[in-house]
């Protein structure tokens, strides 16, 4: 996806090997660990699978994890509600894109906020 590299040229692509849970891919875990970061922001196609499985495993591995609910979806409202409950039970922080950006920027008065630049978690 060229758009990712346009806004995040440092991004690393890790090929999946067929696993439903990205955290089961040793290459994914190695790349995450190599960053030295302890806070992860995760999204995926299905919140109840692509997001839930790796976020809960990353949380169990000691990471502080945010799940981007509005950047993912589910086939039903019930699946989304059950997934939200599992996030909370597992210590994953469900949030929305705008909420997280607002939390990171703290103020929209900064020049980089007004320009829409990406802010990294600290």
PDB file of N, CA and C in Angstrom:
ATOM      1  N   UNK A   1       0.838  -1.168   0.000  1.00  0.00           N
ATOM      2  CA  UNK A   1       0.000   0.000   0.000  1.00  0.00           C
ATOM      3  C   UNK A   1       0.891   1.242   0.000  1.00  0.00           C
ATOM      4  N   UNK A   2       1.036   1.876  -1.138  1.00  0.00           N
ATOM      5  CA  UNK A   2       1.952   3.020  -1.236  1.00  0.00           C
ATOM      6  C   UNK A   2       1.583   4.176  -0.309  1.00  0.00           C
ATOM      7  N   UNK A   3       0.305   4.315   0.046  1.00  0.00           N
ATOM      8  CA  UNK A   3      -0.106   5.407   0.938  1.00  0.00           C
ATOM      9  C   UNK A   3       0.553   5.291   2.303  1.00  0.00           C
ATOM     10  N   UNK A   4       0.760   4.086   2.755  1.00  0.00           N
ATOM     11  CA  UNK A   4       1.412   3.902   4.055  1.00  0.00           C
ATOM     12  C   UNK A   4       2.822   4.471   4.007  1.00  0.00           C
ATOM     13  N   UNK A   5       3.565   4.153   2.956  1.00  0.00           N
ATOM     14  CA  UNK A   5       4.948   4.616   2.861  1.00  0.00           C
ATOM     15  C   UNK A   5       5.033   6.100   2.572  1.00  0.00           C
ATOM     16  N   UNK A   6       3.983   6.667   2.006  1.00  0.00           N
ATOM     17  CA  UNK A   6       3.951   8.111   1.774  1.00  0.00           C
ATOM     18  C   UNK A   6       3.966   8.859   3.112  1.00  0.00           C
ATOM     19  N   UNK A   7       3.175   8.378   4.077  1.00  0.00           N
ATOM     20  CA  UNK A   7       3.066   9.043   5.363  1.00  0.00           C
ATOM     21  C   UNK A   7       3.963   8.433   6.435  1.00  0.00           C
ATOM     22  N   UNK A   8       4.424   7.217   6.215  1.00  0.00           N
ATOM     23  CA  UNK A   8       5.296   6.545   7.177  1.00  0.00           C
ATOM     24  C   UNK A   8       6.390   5.796   6.415  1.00  0.00           C
ATOM     25  N   UNK A   9       7.350   6.535   5.845  1.00  0.00           N
ATOM     26  CA  UNK A   9       8.385   5.888   5.037  1.00  0.00           C
ATOM     27  C   UNK A   9       9.244   4.895   5.808  1.00  0.00           C
ATOM     28  N   UNK A  10       9.212   4.969   7.126  1.00  0.00           N
ATOM     29  CA  UNK A  10       9.976   4.063   7.977  1.00  0.00           C
ATOM     30  C   UNK A  10       9.232   2.749   8.237  1.00  0.00           C
ATOM     31  N   UNK A  11       7.977   2.628   7.772  1.00  0.00           N
ATOM     32  CA  UNK A  11       7.158   1.437   8.033  1.00  0.00           C
ATOM     33  C   UNK A  11       7.831   0.178   7.490  1.00  0.00           C
ATOM     34  N   UNK A  12       7.650  -0.913   8.205  1.00  0.00           N
ATOM     35  CA  UNK A  12       8.224  -2.198   7.801  1.00  0.00           C
ATOM     36  C   UNK A  12       7.076  -3.140   7.453  1.00  0.00           C
ATOM     37  N   UNK A  13       7.123  -3.691   6.256  1.00  0.00           N
ATOM     38  CA  UNK A  13       6.117  -4.668   5.835  1.00  0.00           C
ATOM     39  C   UNK A  13       6.568  -6.054   6.286  1.00  0.00           C
ATOM     40  N   UNK A  14       5.676  -6.784   6.944  1.00  0.00           N
ATOM     41  CA  UNK A  14       5.961  -8.153   7.367  1.00  0.00           C
ATOM     42  C   UNK A  14       4.909  -9.050   6.735  1.00  0.00           C
ATOM     43  N   UNK A  15       5.352  -9.971   5.895  1.00  0.00           N
ATOM     44  CA  UNK A  15       4.414 -10.878   5.227  1.00  0.00           C
ATOM     45  C   UNK A  15       3.813 -11.850   6.226  1.00  0.00           C
ATOM     46  N   UNK A  16       2.507 -12.027   6.139  1.00  0.00           N
ATOM     47  CA  UNK A  16       1.825 -13.004   6.980  1.00  0.00           C
ATOM     48  C   UNK A  16       1.990 -14.383   6.353  1.00  0.00           C
ATOM     49  N   UNK A  17       1.922 -15.386   7.180  1.00  0.00           N
ATOM     50  CA  UNK A  17       2.127 -16.760   6.718  1.00  0.00           C
ATOM     51  C   UNK A  17       0.844 -17.581   6.813  1.00  0.00           C
ATOM     52  N   UNK A  18      -0.302 -16.899   6.855  1.00  0.00           N
ATOM     53  CA  UNK A  18      -1.574 -17.586   6.909  1.00  0.00           C
ATOM     54  C   UNK A  18      -2.220 -17.612   8.278  1.00  0.00           C
ATOM     55  N   UNK A  19      -1.514 -17.143   9.295  1.00  0.00           N
ATOM     56  CA  UNK A  19      -2.080 -17.151  10.638  1.00  0.00           C
ATOM     57  C   UNK A  19      -3.162 -16.072  10.767  1.00  0.00           C
ATOM     58  N   UNK A  20      -4.195 -16.375  11.517  1.00  0.00           N
ATOM     59  CA  UNK A  20      -5.256 -15.412  11.764  1.00  0.00           C
ATOM     60  C   UNK A  20      -4.854 -14.370  12.790  1.00  0.00           C
ATOM     61  N   UNK A  21      -3.971 -14.742  13.688  1.00  0.00           N
ATOM     62  CA  UNK A  21      -3.491 -13.857  14.737  1.00  0.00           C
ATOM     63  C   UNK A  21      -2.075 -13.422  14.370  1.00  0.00           C
ATOM     64  N   UNK A  22      -1.904 -12.156  14.026  1.00  0.00           N
ATOM     65  CA  UNK A  22      -0.589 -11.663  13.600  1.00  0.00           C
ATOM     66  C   UNK A  22       0.472 -11.877  14.676  1.00  0.00           C
ATOM     67  N   UNK A  23       0.069 -11.924  15.946  1.00  0.00           N
ATOM     68  CA  UNK A  23       1.039 -12.125  17.026  1.00  0.00           C
ATOM     69  C   UNK A  23       1.598 -13.544  17.028  1.00  0.00           C
ATOM     70  N   UNK A  24       0.972 -14.452  16.292  1.00  0.00           N
ATOM     71  CA  UNK A  24       1.498 -15.805  16.144  1.00  0.00           C
ATOM     72  C   UNK A  24       2.618 -15.873  15.103  1.00  0.00           C
ATOM     73  N   UNK A  25       2.862 -14.776  14.409  1.00  0.00           N
ATOM     74  CA  UNK A  25       3.915 -14.699  13.407  1.00  0.00           C
ATOM     75  C   UNK A  25       5.176 -14.168  14.100  1.00  0.00           C
ATOM     76  N   UNK A  26       6.179 -15.015  14.215  1.00  0.00           N
ATOM     77  CA  UNK A  26       7.412 -14.629  14.905  1.00  0.00           C
ATOM     78  C   UNK A  26       8.075 -13.409  14.276  1.00  0.00           C
ATOM     79  N   UNK A  27       7.928 -13.232  12.961  1.00  0.00           N
ATOM     80  CA  UNK A  27       8.519 -12.077  12.295  1.00  0.00           C
ATOM     81  C   UNK A  27       7.835 -10.781  12.732  1.00  0.00           C
ATOM     82  N   UNK A  28       6.515 -10.815  12.901  1.00  0.00           N
ATOM     83  CA  UNK A  28       5.773  -9.642  13.372  1.00  0.00           C
ATOM     84  C   UNK A  28       6.246  -9.272  14.774  1.00  0.00           C
ATOM     85  N   UNK A  29       6.308 -10.244  15.644  1.00  0.00           N
ATOM     86  CA  UNK A  29       6.724  -9.997  17.030  1.00  0.00           C
ATOM     87  C   UNK A  29       8.156  -9.463  17.062  1.00  0.00           C
ATOM     88  N   UNK A  30       9.026 -10.005  16.242  1.00  0.00           N
ATOM     89  CA  UNK A  30      10.424  -9.545  16.212  1.00  0.00           C
ATOM     90  C   UNK A  30      10.519  -8.085  15.764  1.00  0.00           C
ATOM     91  N   UNK A  31       9.745  -7.711  14.761  1.00  0.00           N
ATOM     92  CA  UNK A  31       9.766  -6.323  14.294  1.00  0.00           C
ATOM     93  C   UNK A  31       9.227  -5.395  15.377  1.00  0.00           C
ATOM     94  N   UNK A  32       8.155  -5.795  16.035  1.00  0.00           N
ATOM     95  CA  UNK A  32       7.595  -4.968  17.114  1.00  0.00           C
ATOM     96  C   UNK A  32       8.628  -4.815  18.228  1.00  0.00           C
ATOM     97  N   UNK A  33       9.231  -5.903  18.642  1.00  0.00           N
ATOM     98  CA  UNK A  33      10.236  -5.842  19.718  1.00  0.00           C
ATOM     99  C   UNK A  33      11.435  -4.987  19.319  1.00  0.00           C
ATOM    100  N   UNK A  34      11.835  -5.044  18.048  1.00  0.00           N
ATOM    101  CA  UNK A  34      13.010  -4.297  17.590  1.00  0.00           C
ATOM    102  C   UNK A  34      12.815  -2.786  17.675  1.00  0.00           C
ATOM    103  N   UNK A  35      11.575  -2.328  17.735  1.00  0.00           N
ATOM    104  CA  UNK A  35      11.330  -0.882  17.840  1.00  0.00           C
ATOM    105  C   UNK A  35      11.663  -0.353  19.226  1.00  0.00           C
ATOM    106  N   UNK A  36      11.640  -1.230  20.221  1.00  0.00           N
ATOM    107  CA  UNK A  36      11.893  -0.798  21.582  1.00  0.00           C
ATOM    108  C   UNK A  36      10.710  -0.084  22.219  1.00  0.00           C
ATOM    109  N   UNK A  37       9.636   0.054  21.497  1.00  0.00           N
ATOM    110  CA  UNK A  37       8.448   0.732  22.031  1.00  0.00           C
ATOM    111  C   UNK A  37       7.641  -0.231  22.885  1.00  0.00           C
ATOM    112  N   UNK A  38       6.935   0.326  23.847  1.00  0.00           N
ATOM    113  CA  UNK A  38       6.091  -0.483  24.725  1.00  0.00           C
ATOM    114  C   UNK A  38       4.609  -0.141  24.571  1.00  0.00           C
ATOM    115  N   UNK A  39       4.298   0.807  23.691  1.00  0.00           N
ATOM    116  CA  UNK A  39       2.910   1.185  23.421  1.00  0.00           C
ATOM    117  C   UNK A  39       2.599   0.877  21.967  1.00  0.00           C
ATOM    118  N   UNK A  40       1.497   0.153  21.745  1.00  0.00           N
ATOM    119  CA  UNK A  40       1.090  -0.218  20.394  1.00  0.00           C
ATOM    120  C   UNK A  40      -0.299   0.328  20.110  1.00  0.00           C
ATOM    121  N   UNK A  41      -0.497   0.758  18.875  1.00  0.00           N
ATOM    122  CA  UNK A  41      -1.806   1.161  18.374  1.00  0.00           C
ATOM    123  C   UNK A  41      -2.131   0.189  17.262  1.00  0.00           C
ATOM    124  N   UNK A  42      -3.230  -0.559  17.407  1.00  0.00           N
ATOM    125  CA  UNK A  42      -3.530  -1.625  16.454  1.00  0.00           C
ATOM    126  C   UNK A  42      -4.911  -1.463  15.833  1.00  0.00           C
ATOM    127  N   UNK A  43      -4.995  -1.839  14.566  1.00  0.00           N
ATOM    128  CA  UNK A  43      -6.261  -1.875  13.828  1.00  0.00           C
ATOM    129  C   UNK A  43      -6.170  -3.056  12.870  1.00  0.00           C
ATOM    130  N   UNK A  44      -7.292  -3.420  12.281  1.00  0.00           N
ATOM    131  CA  UNK A  44      -7.301  -4.536  11.355  1.00  0.00           C
ATOM    132  C   UNK A  44      -8.615  -4.599  10.610  1.00  0.00           C
ATOM    133  N   UNK A  45      -8.793  -5.616   9.822  1.00  0.00           N
ATOM    134  CA  UNK A  45     -10.016  -5.757   9.035  1.00  0.00           C
ATOM    135  C   UNK A  45     -11.194  -6.031   9.961  1.00  0.00           C
ATOM    136  N   UNK A  46     -11.140  -7.121  10.715  1.00  0.00           N
ATOM    137  CA  UNK A  46     -12.206  -7.471  11.652  1.00  0.00           C
ATOM    138  C   UNK A  46     -11.716  -7.196  13.063  1.00  0.00           C
ATOM    139  N   UNK A  47     -12.463  -6.397  13.799  1.00  0.00           N
ATOM    140  CA  UNK A  47     -12.104  -6.096  15.184  1.00  0.00           C
ATOM    141  C   UNK A  47     -12.072  -7.366  16.020  1.00  0.00           C
ATOM    142  N   UNK A  48     -13.025  -8.270  15.774  1.00  0.00           N
ATOM    143  CA  UNK A  48     -13.169  -9.473  16.595  1.00  0.00           C
ATOM    144  C   UNK A  48     -12.143 -10.562  16.306  1.00  0.00           C
ATOM    145  N   UNK A  49     -11.344 -10.403  15.277  1.00  0.00           N
ATOM    146  CA  UNK A  49     -10.316 -11.398  14.955  1.00  0.00           C
ATOM    147  C   UNK A  49      -8.970 -10.711  14.742  1.00  0.00           C
ATOM    148  N   UNK A  50      -8.865  -9.922  13.683  1.00  0.00           N
ATOM    149  CA  UNK A  50      -7.593  -9.308  13.284  1.00  0.00           C
ATOM    150  C   UNK A  50      -7.039  -8.354  14.328  1.00  0.00           C
ATOM    151  N   UNK A  51      -7.918  -7.765  15.119  1.00  0.00           N
ATOM    152  CA  UNK A  51      -7.472  -6.837  16.159  1.00  0.00           C
ATOM    153  C   UNK A  51      -7.449  -7.521  17.526  1.00  0.00           C
ATOM    154  N   UNK A  52      -8.532  -8.200  17.863  1.00  0.00           N
ATOM    155  CA  UNK A  52      -8.642  -8.778  19.203  1.00  0.00           C
ATOM    156  C   UNK A  52      -7.517  -9.767  19.521  1.00  0.00           C
ATOM    157  N   UNK A  53      -7.270 -10.693  18.641  1.00  0.00           N
ATOM    158  CA  UNK A  53      -6.281 -11.742  18.942  1.00  0.00           C
ATOM    159  C   UNK A  53      -4.886 -11.167  19.194  1.00  0.00           C
ATOM    160  N   UNK A  54      -4.324 -10.362  18.285  1.00  0.00           N
ATOM    161  CA  UNK A  54      -2.976  -9.860  18.554  1.00  0.00           C
ATOM    162  C   UNK A  54      -2.916  -8.819  19.677  1.00  0.00           C
ATOM    163  N   UNK A  55      -3.997  -8.032  19.868  1.00  0.00           N
ATOM    164  CA  UNK A  55      -3.938  -7.051  20.957  1.00  0.00           C
ATOM    165  C   UNK A  55      -3.908  -7.739  22.317  1.00  0.00           C
ATOM    166  N   UNK A  56      -4.717  -8.766  22.485  1.00  0.00           N
ATOM    167  CA  UNK A  56      -4.722  -9.480  23.762  1.00  0.00           C
ATOM    168  C   UNK A  56      -3.387 -10.178  24.005  1.00  0.00           C
ATOM    169  N   UNK A  57      -2.803 -10.744  22.951  1.00  0.00           N
ATOM    170  CA  UNK A  57      -1.498 -11.395  23.106  1.00  0.00           C
ATOM    171  C   UNK A  57      -0.392 -10.381  23.381  1.00  0.00           C
ATOM    172  N   UNK A  58      -0.432  -9.229  22.705  1.00  0.00           N
ATOM    173  CA  UNK A  58       0.565  -8.185  22.948  1.00  0.00           C
ATOM    174  C   UNK A  58       0.430  -7.645  24.371  1.00  0.00           C
ATOM    175  N   UNK A  59      -0.797  -7.492  24.821  1.00  0.00           N
ATOM    176  CA  UNK A  59      -1.047  -7.033  26.204  1.00  0.00           C
ATOM    177  C   UNK A  59      -0.476  -8.049  27.188  1.00  0.00           C
ATOM    178  N   UNK A  60      -0.713  -9.335  26.934  1.00  0.00           N
ATOM    179  CA  UNK A  60      -0.181 -10.382  27.811  1.00  0.00           C
ATOM    180  C   UNK A  60       1.345 -10.397  27.805  1.00  0.00           C
ATOM    181  N   UNK A  61       1.945  -9.917  26.703  1.00  0.00           N
ATOM    182  CA  UNK A  61       3.402  -9.855  26.598  1.00  0.00           C
ATOM    183  C   UNK A  61       3.965  -8.579  27.231  1.00  0.00           C
ATOM    184  N   UNK A  62       3.086  -7.755  27.816  1.00  0.00           N
ATOM    185  CA  UNK A  62       3.562  -6.582  28.543  1.00  0.00           C
ATOM    186  C   UNK A  62       3.441  -5.252  27.822  1.00  0.00           C
ATOM    187  N   UNK A  63       2.818  -5.228  26.663  1.00  0.00           N
ATOM    188  CA  UNK A  63       2.661  -3.981  25.923  1.00  0.00           C
ATOM    189  C   UNK A  63       1.420  -3.229  26.382  1.00  0.00           C
ATOM    190  N   UNK A  64       1.477  -1.907  26.291  1.00  0.00           N
ATOM    191  CA  UNK A  64       0.325  -1.041  26.504  1.00  0.00           C
ATOM    192  C   UNK A  64      -0.331  -0.925  25.126  1.00  0.00           C
ATOM    193  N   UNK A  65      -1.584  -1.365  24.992  1.00  0.00           N
ATOM    194  CA  UNK A  65      -2.192  -1.514  23.663  1.00  0.00           C
ATOM    195  C   UNK A  65      -3.482  -0.713  23.542  1.00  0.00           C
ATOM    196  N   UNK A  66      -3.566   0.040  22.449  1.00  0.00           N
ATOM    197  CA  UNK A  66      -4.777   0.760  22.068  1.00  0.00           C
ATOM    198  C   UNK A  66      -5.365   0.060  20.842  1.00  0.00           C
ATOM    199  N   UNK A  67      -6.656  -0.211  20.869  1.00  0.00           N
ATOM    200  CA  UNK A  67      -7.350  -0.811  19.717  1.00  0.00           C
ATOM    201  C   UNK A  67      -8.192   0.266  19.060  1.00  0.00           C
ATOM    202  N   UNK A  68      -7.931   0.517  17.792  1.00  0.00           N
ATOM    203  CA  UNK A  68      -8.625   1.559  17.046  1.00  0.00           C
ATOM    204  C   UNK A  68      -9.947   1.002  16.515  1.00  0.00           C
ATOM    205  N   UNK A  69     -11.000   1.238  17.254  1.00  0.00           N
ATOM    206  CA  UNK A  69     -12.299   0.657  16.947  1.00  0.00           C
ATOM    207  C   UNK A  69     -12.873   1.175  15.627  1.00  0.00           C
ATOM    208  N   UNK A  70     -12.695   2.457  15.338  1.00  0.00           N
ATOM    209  CA  UNK A  70     -13.277   3.001  14.112  1.00  0.00           C
ATOM    210  C   UNK A  70     -12.409   2.762  12.874  1.00  0.00           C
ATOM    211  N   UNK A  71     -11.267   2.120  13.058  1.00  0.00           N
ATOM    212  CA  UNK A  71     -10.413   1.772  11.920  1.00  0.00           C
ATOM    213  C   UNK A  71     -10.537   0.284  11.594  1.00  0.00           C
ATOM    214  N   UNK A  72     -11.493  -0.370  12.198  1.00  0.00           N
ATOM    215  CA  UNK A  72     -11.738  -1.798  12.018  1.00  0.00           C
ATOM    216  C   UNK A  72     -13.244  -2.010  11.995  1.00  0.00           C
ATOM    217  N   UNK A  73     -13.684  -3.202  11.658  1.00  0.00           N
ATOM    218  CA  UNK A  73     -15.113  -3.469  11.629  1.00  0.00           C
ATOM    219  C   UNK A  73     -15.418  -4.905  11.990  1.00  0.00           C
ATOM    220  N   UNK A  74     -16.689  -5.228  12.011  1.00  0.00           N
ATOM    221  CA  UNK A  74     -17.149  -6.574  12.336  1.00  0.00           C
ATOM    222  C   UNK A  74     -18.392  -6.889  11.520  1.00  0.00           C
ATOM    223  N   UNK A  75     -18.727  -8.168  11.399  1.00  0.00           N
ATOM    224  CA  UNK A  75     -19.922  -8.531  10.630  1.00  0.00           C
ATOM    225  C   UNK A  75     -21.228  -8.265  11.376  1.00  0.00           C
ATOM    226  N   UNK A  76     -21.134  -7.990  12.691  1.00  0.00           N
ATOM    227  CA  UNK A  76     -22.369  -7.732  13.437  1.00  0.00           C
ATOM    228  C   UNK A  76     -22.077  -6.841  14.641  1.00  0.00           C
ATOM    229  N   UNK A  77     -23.117  -6.181  15.115  1.00  0.00           N
ATOM    230  CA  UNK A  77     -22.985  -5.356  16.317  1.00  0.00           C
ATOM    231  C   UNK A  77     -22.660  -6.225  17.528  1.00  0.00           C
ATOM    232  N   UNK A  78     -23.234  -7.426  17.581  1.00  0.00           N
ATOM    233  CA  UNK A  78     -22.960  -8.325  18.694  1.00  0.00           C
ATOM    234  C   UNK A  78     -21.469  -8.674  18.760  1.00  0.00           C
ATOM    235  N   UNK A  79     -20.882  -8.979  17.627  1.00  0.00           N
ATOM    236  CA  UNK A  79     -19.449  -9.301  17.600  1.00  0.00           C
ATOM    237  C   UNK A  79     -18.634  -8.124  18.118  1.00  0.00           C
ATOM    238  N   UNK A  80     -18.998  -6.920  17.729  1.00  0.00           N
ATOM    239  CA  UNK A  80     -18.280  -5.734  18.202  1.00  0.00           C
ATOM    240  C   UNK A  80     -18.421  -5.554  19.705  1.00  0.00           C
ATOM    241  N   UNK A  81     -19.623  -5.742  20.227  1.00  0.00           N
ATOM    242  CA  UNK A  81     -19.847  -5.574  21.671  1.00  0.00           C
ATOM    243  C   UNK A  81     -19.078  -6.610  22.493  1.00  0.00           C
ATOM    244  N   UNK A  82     -19.084  -7.853  22.043  1.00  0.00           N
ATOM    245  CA  UNK A  82     -18.350  -8.904  22.741  1.00  0.00           C
ATOM    246  C   UNK A  82     -16.851  -8.598  22.705  1.00  0.00           C
ATOM    247  N   UNK A  83     -16.375  -8.142  21.566  1.00  0.00           N
ATOM    248  CA  UNK A  83     -14.955  -7.815  21.424  1.00  0.00           C
ATOM    249  C   UNK A  83     -14.567  -6.665  22.344  1.00  0.00           C
ATOM    250  N   UNK A  84     -15.395  -5.635  22.426  1.00  0.00           N
ATOM    251  CA  UNK A  84     -15.107  -4.516  23.329  1.00  0.00           C
ATOM    252  C   UNK A  84     -14.997  -4.997  24.771  1.00  0.00           C
ATOM    253  N   UNK A  85     -15.892  -5.896  25.161  1.00  0.00           N
ATOM    254  CA  UNK A  85     -15.832  -6.443  26.521  1.00  0.00           C
ATOM    255  C   UNK A  85     -14.531  -7.201  26.739  1.00  0.00           C
ATOM    256  N   UNK A  86     -14.117  -7.973  25.756  1.00  0.00           N
ATOM    257  CA  UNK A  86     -12.860  -8.736  25.893  1.00  0.00           C
ATOM    258  C   UNK A  86     -11.661  -7.803  25.962  1.00  0.00           C
ATOM    259  N   UNK A  87     -11.678  -6.714  25.181  1.00  0.00           N
ATOM    260  CA  UNK A  87     -10.596  -5.727  25.268  1.00  0.00           C
ATOM    261  C   UNK A  87     -10.470  -5.205  26.693  1.00  0.00           C
ATOM    262  N   UNK A  88     -11.576  -4.754  27.235  1.00  0.00           N
ATOM    263  CA  UNK A  88     -11.564  -4.172  28.573  1.00  0.00           C
ATOM    264  C   UNK A  88     -11.120  -5.201  29.603  1.00  0.00           C
ATOM    265  N   UNK A  89     -11.639  -6.418  29.506  1.00  0.00           N
ATOM    266  CA  UNK A  89     -11.237  -7.480  30.443  1.00  0.00           C
ATOM    267  C   UNK A  89      -9.749  -7.776  30.343  1.00  0.00           C
ATOM    268  N   UNK A  90      -9.203  -7.681  29.124  1.00  0.00           N
ATOM    269  CA  UNK A  90      -7.794  -8.003  28.908  1.00  0.00           C
ATOM    270  C   UNK A  90      -6.845  -6.833  29.062  1.00  0.00           C
ATOM    271  N   UNK A  91      -7.359  -5.653  29.382  1.00  0.00           N
ATOM    272  CA  UNK A  91      -6.482  -4.503  29.589  1.00  0.00           C
ATOM    273  C   UNK A  91      -6.128  -3.741  28.332  1.00  0.00           C
ATOM    274  N   UNK A  92      -6.776  -4.048  27.222  1.00  0.00           N
ATOM    275  CA  UNK A  92      -6.580  -3.307  25.971  1.00  0.00           C
ATOM    276  C   UNK A  92      -7.471  -2.072  26.032  1.00  0.00           C
ATOM    277  N   UNK A  93      -6.983  -0.942  25.548  1.00  0.00           N
ATOM    278  CA  UNK A  93      -7.739   0.304  25.589  1.00  0.00           C
ATOM    279  C   UNK A  93      -8.449   0.539  24.257  1.00  0.00           C
ATOM    280  N   UNK A  94      -9.771   0.329  24.209  1.00  0.00           N
ATOM    281  CA  UNK A  94     -10.489   0.632  22.977  1.00  0.00           C
ATOM    282  C   UNK A  94     -10.613   2.147  22.819  1.00  0.00           C
ATOM    283  N   UNK A  95     -10.401   2.649  21.607  1.00  0.00           N
ATOM    284  CA  UNK A  95     -10.483   4.084  21.367  1.00  0.00           C
ATOM    285  C   UNK A  95     -10.822   4.337  19.905  1.00  0.00           C
ATOM    286  N   UNK A  96     -10.970   5.602  19.569  1.00  0.00           N
ATOM    287  CA  UNK A  96     -11.226   5.989  18.181  1.00  0.00           C
ATOM    288  C   UNK A  96     -10.040   6.810  17.682  1.00  0.00           C
ATOM    289  N   UNK A  97      -9.948   6.951  16.378  1.00  0.00           N
ATOM    290  CA  UNK A  97      -8.837   7.685  15.785  1.00  0.00           C
ATOM    291  C   UNK A  97      -8.785   9.113  16.304  1.00  0.00           C
ATOM    292  N   UNK A  98      -9.908   9.813  16.266  1.00  0.00           N
ATOM    293  CA  UNK A  98      -9.926  11.203  16.705  1.00  0.00           C
ATOM    294  C   UNK A  98      -9.585  11.331  18.187  1.00  0.00           C
ATOM    295  N   UNK A  99     -10.093  10.423  19.001  1.00  0.00           N
ATOM    296  CA  UNK A  99      -9.780  10.467  20.435  1.00  0.00           C
ATOM    297  C   UNK A  99      -8.289  10.289  20.681  1.00  0.00           C
ATOM    298  N   UNK A 100      -7.683   9.317  20.005  1.00  0.00           N
ATOM    299  CA  UNK A 100      -6.257   9.075  20.204  1.00  0.00           C
ATOM    300  C   UNK A 100      -5.422  10.240  19.689  1.00  0.00           C
ATOM    301  N   UNK A 101      -5.764  10.770  18.527  1.00  0.00           N
ATOM    302  CA  UNK A 101      -5.021  11.927  18.000  1.00  0.00           C
ATOM    303  C   UNK A 101      -5.132  13.125  18.928  1.00  0.00           C
ATOM    304  N   UNK A 102      -6.309  13.333  19.478  1.00  0.00           N
ATOM    305  CA  UNK A 102      -6.499  14.440  20.418  1.00  0.00           C
ATOM    306  C   UNK A 102      -5.673  14.223  21.686  1.00  0.00           C
ATOM    307  N   UNK A 103      -5.638  12.996  22.155  1.00  0.00           N
ATOM    308  CA  UNK A 103      -4.850  12.674  23.348  1.00  0.00           C
ATOM    309  C   UNK A 103      -3.361  12.893  23.089  1.00  0.00           C
ATOM    310  N   UNK A 104      -2.901  12.532  21.912  1.00  0.00           N
ATOM    311  CA  UNK A 104      -1.489  12.682  21.584  1.00  0.00           C
ATOM    312  C   UNK A 104      -1.097  14.140  21.352  1.00  0.00           C
ATOM    313  N   UNK A 105      -1.923  14.863  20.626  1.00  0.00           N
ATOM    314  CA  UNK A 105      -1.606  16.260  20.308  1.00  0.00           C
ATOM    315  C   UNK A 105      -1.739  17.174  21.519  1.00  0.00           C
ATOM    316  N   UNK A 106      -2.694  16.872  22.378  1.00  0.00           N
ATOM    317  CA  UNK A 106      -2.972  17.669  23.573  1.00  0.00           C
ATOM    318  C   UNK A 106      -3.539  19.043  23.218  1.00  0.00           C
ATOM    319  N   UNK A 107      -3.057  19.644  22.145  1.00  0.00           N
ATOM    320  CA  UNK A 107      -3.580  20.920  21.666  1.00  0.00           C
ATOM    321  C   UNK A 107      -3.486  20.930  20.147  1.00  0.00           C
ATOM    322  N   UNK A 108      -4.500  21.479  19.507  1.00  0.00           N
ATOM    323  CA  UNK A 108      -4.477  21.587  18.047  1.00  0.00           C
ATOM    324  C   UNK A 108      -3.838  22.905  17.633  1.00  0.00           C
ATOM    325  N   UNK A 109      -3.312  23.681  18.587  1.00  0.00           N
ATOM    326  CA  UNK A 109      -2.696  24.966  18.284  1.00  0.00           C
ATOM    327  C   UNK A 109      -1.256  24.831  17.802  1.00  0.00           C
ATOM    328  N   UNK A 110      -0.672  23.652  17.984  1.00  0.00           N
ATOM    329  CA  UNK A 110       0.703  23.455  17.517  1.00  0.00           C
ATOM    330  C   UNK A 110       0.733  23.433  15.993  1.00  0.00           C
ATOM    331  N   UNK A 111       1.789  23.965  15.376  1.00  0.00           N
ATOM    332  CA  UNK A 111       1.858  23.997  13.903  1.00  0.00           C
ATOM    333  C   UNK A 111       1.746  22.614  13.261  1.00  0.00           C
ATOM    334  N   UNK A 112       2.391  21.611  13.836  1.00  0.00           N
ATOM    335  CA  UNK A 112       2.336  20.281  13.223  1.00  0.00           C
ATOM    336  C   UNK A 112       0.948  19.660  13.338  1.00  0.00           C
ATOM    337  N   UNK A 113       0.186  20.039  14.349  1.00  0.00           N
ATOM    338  CA  UNK A 113      -1.188  19.533  14.471  1.00  0.00           C
ATOM    339  C   UNK A 113      -2.061  20.134  13.371  1.00  0.00           C
ATOM    340  N   UNK A 114      -1.909  21.423  13.138  1.00  0.00           N
ATOM    341  CA  UNK A 114      -2.692  22.108  12.114  1.00  0.00           C
ATOM    342  C   UNK A 114      -2.366  21.582  10.719  1.00  0.00           C
ATOM    343  N   UNK A 115      -1.154  21.135  10.517  1.00  0.00           N
ATOM    344  CA  UNK A 115      -0.743  20.607   9.216  1.00  0.00           C
ATOM    345  C   UNK A 115      -1.127  19.151   9.044  1.00  0.00           C
ATOM    346  N   UNK A 116      -1.666  18.524  10.083  1.00  0.00           N
ATOM    347  CA  UNK A 116      -2.097  17.140   9.983  1.00  0.00           C
ATOM    348  C   UNK A 116      -0.961  16.143  10.025  1.00  0.00           C
ATOM    349  N   UNK A 117       0.158  16.533  10.540  1.00  0.00           N
ATOM    350  CA  UNK A 117       1.302  15.612  10.626  1.00  0.00           C
ATOM    351  C   UNK A 117       1.032  14.548  11.681  1.00  0.00           C
ATOM    352  N   UNK A 118       1.626  13.407  11.491  1.00  0.00           N
ATOM    353  CA  UNK A 118       1.489  12.276  12.391  1.00  0.00           C
ATOM    354  C   UNK A 118       2.317  12.523  13.648  1.00  0.00           C
ATOM    355  N   UNK A 119       1.755  12.208  14.786  1.00  0.00           N
ATOM    356  CA  UNK A 119       2.455  12.309  16.060  1.00  0.00           C
ATOM    357  C   UNK A 119       2.705  10.907  16.591  1.00  0.00           C
ATOM    358  N   UNK A 120       3.878  10.649  17.073  1.00  0.00           N
ATOM    359  CA  UNK A 120       4.224   9.333  17.610  1.00  0.00           C
ATOM    360  C   UNK A 120       3.866   9.243  19.081  1.00  0.00           C
ATOM    361  N   UNK A 121       3.506   8.054  19.493  1.00  0.00           N
ATOM    362  CA  UNK A 121       3.303   7.801  20.914  1.00  0.00           C
ATOM    363  C   UNK A 121       4.656   7.883  21.618  1.00  0.00           C
ATOM    364  N   UNK A 122       4.635   8.371  22.814  1.00  0.00           N
ATOM    365  CA  UNK A 122       5.903   8.461  23.554  1.00  0.00           C
ATOM    366  C   UNK A 122       6.002   7.344  24.542  1.00  0.00           C
TER     367      UNK A 122
END
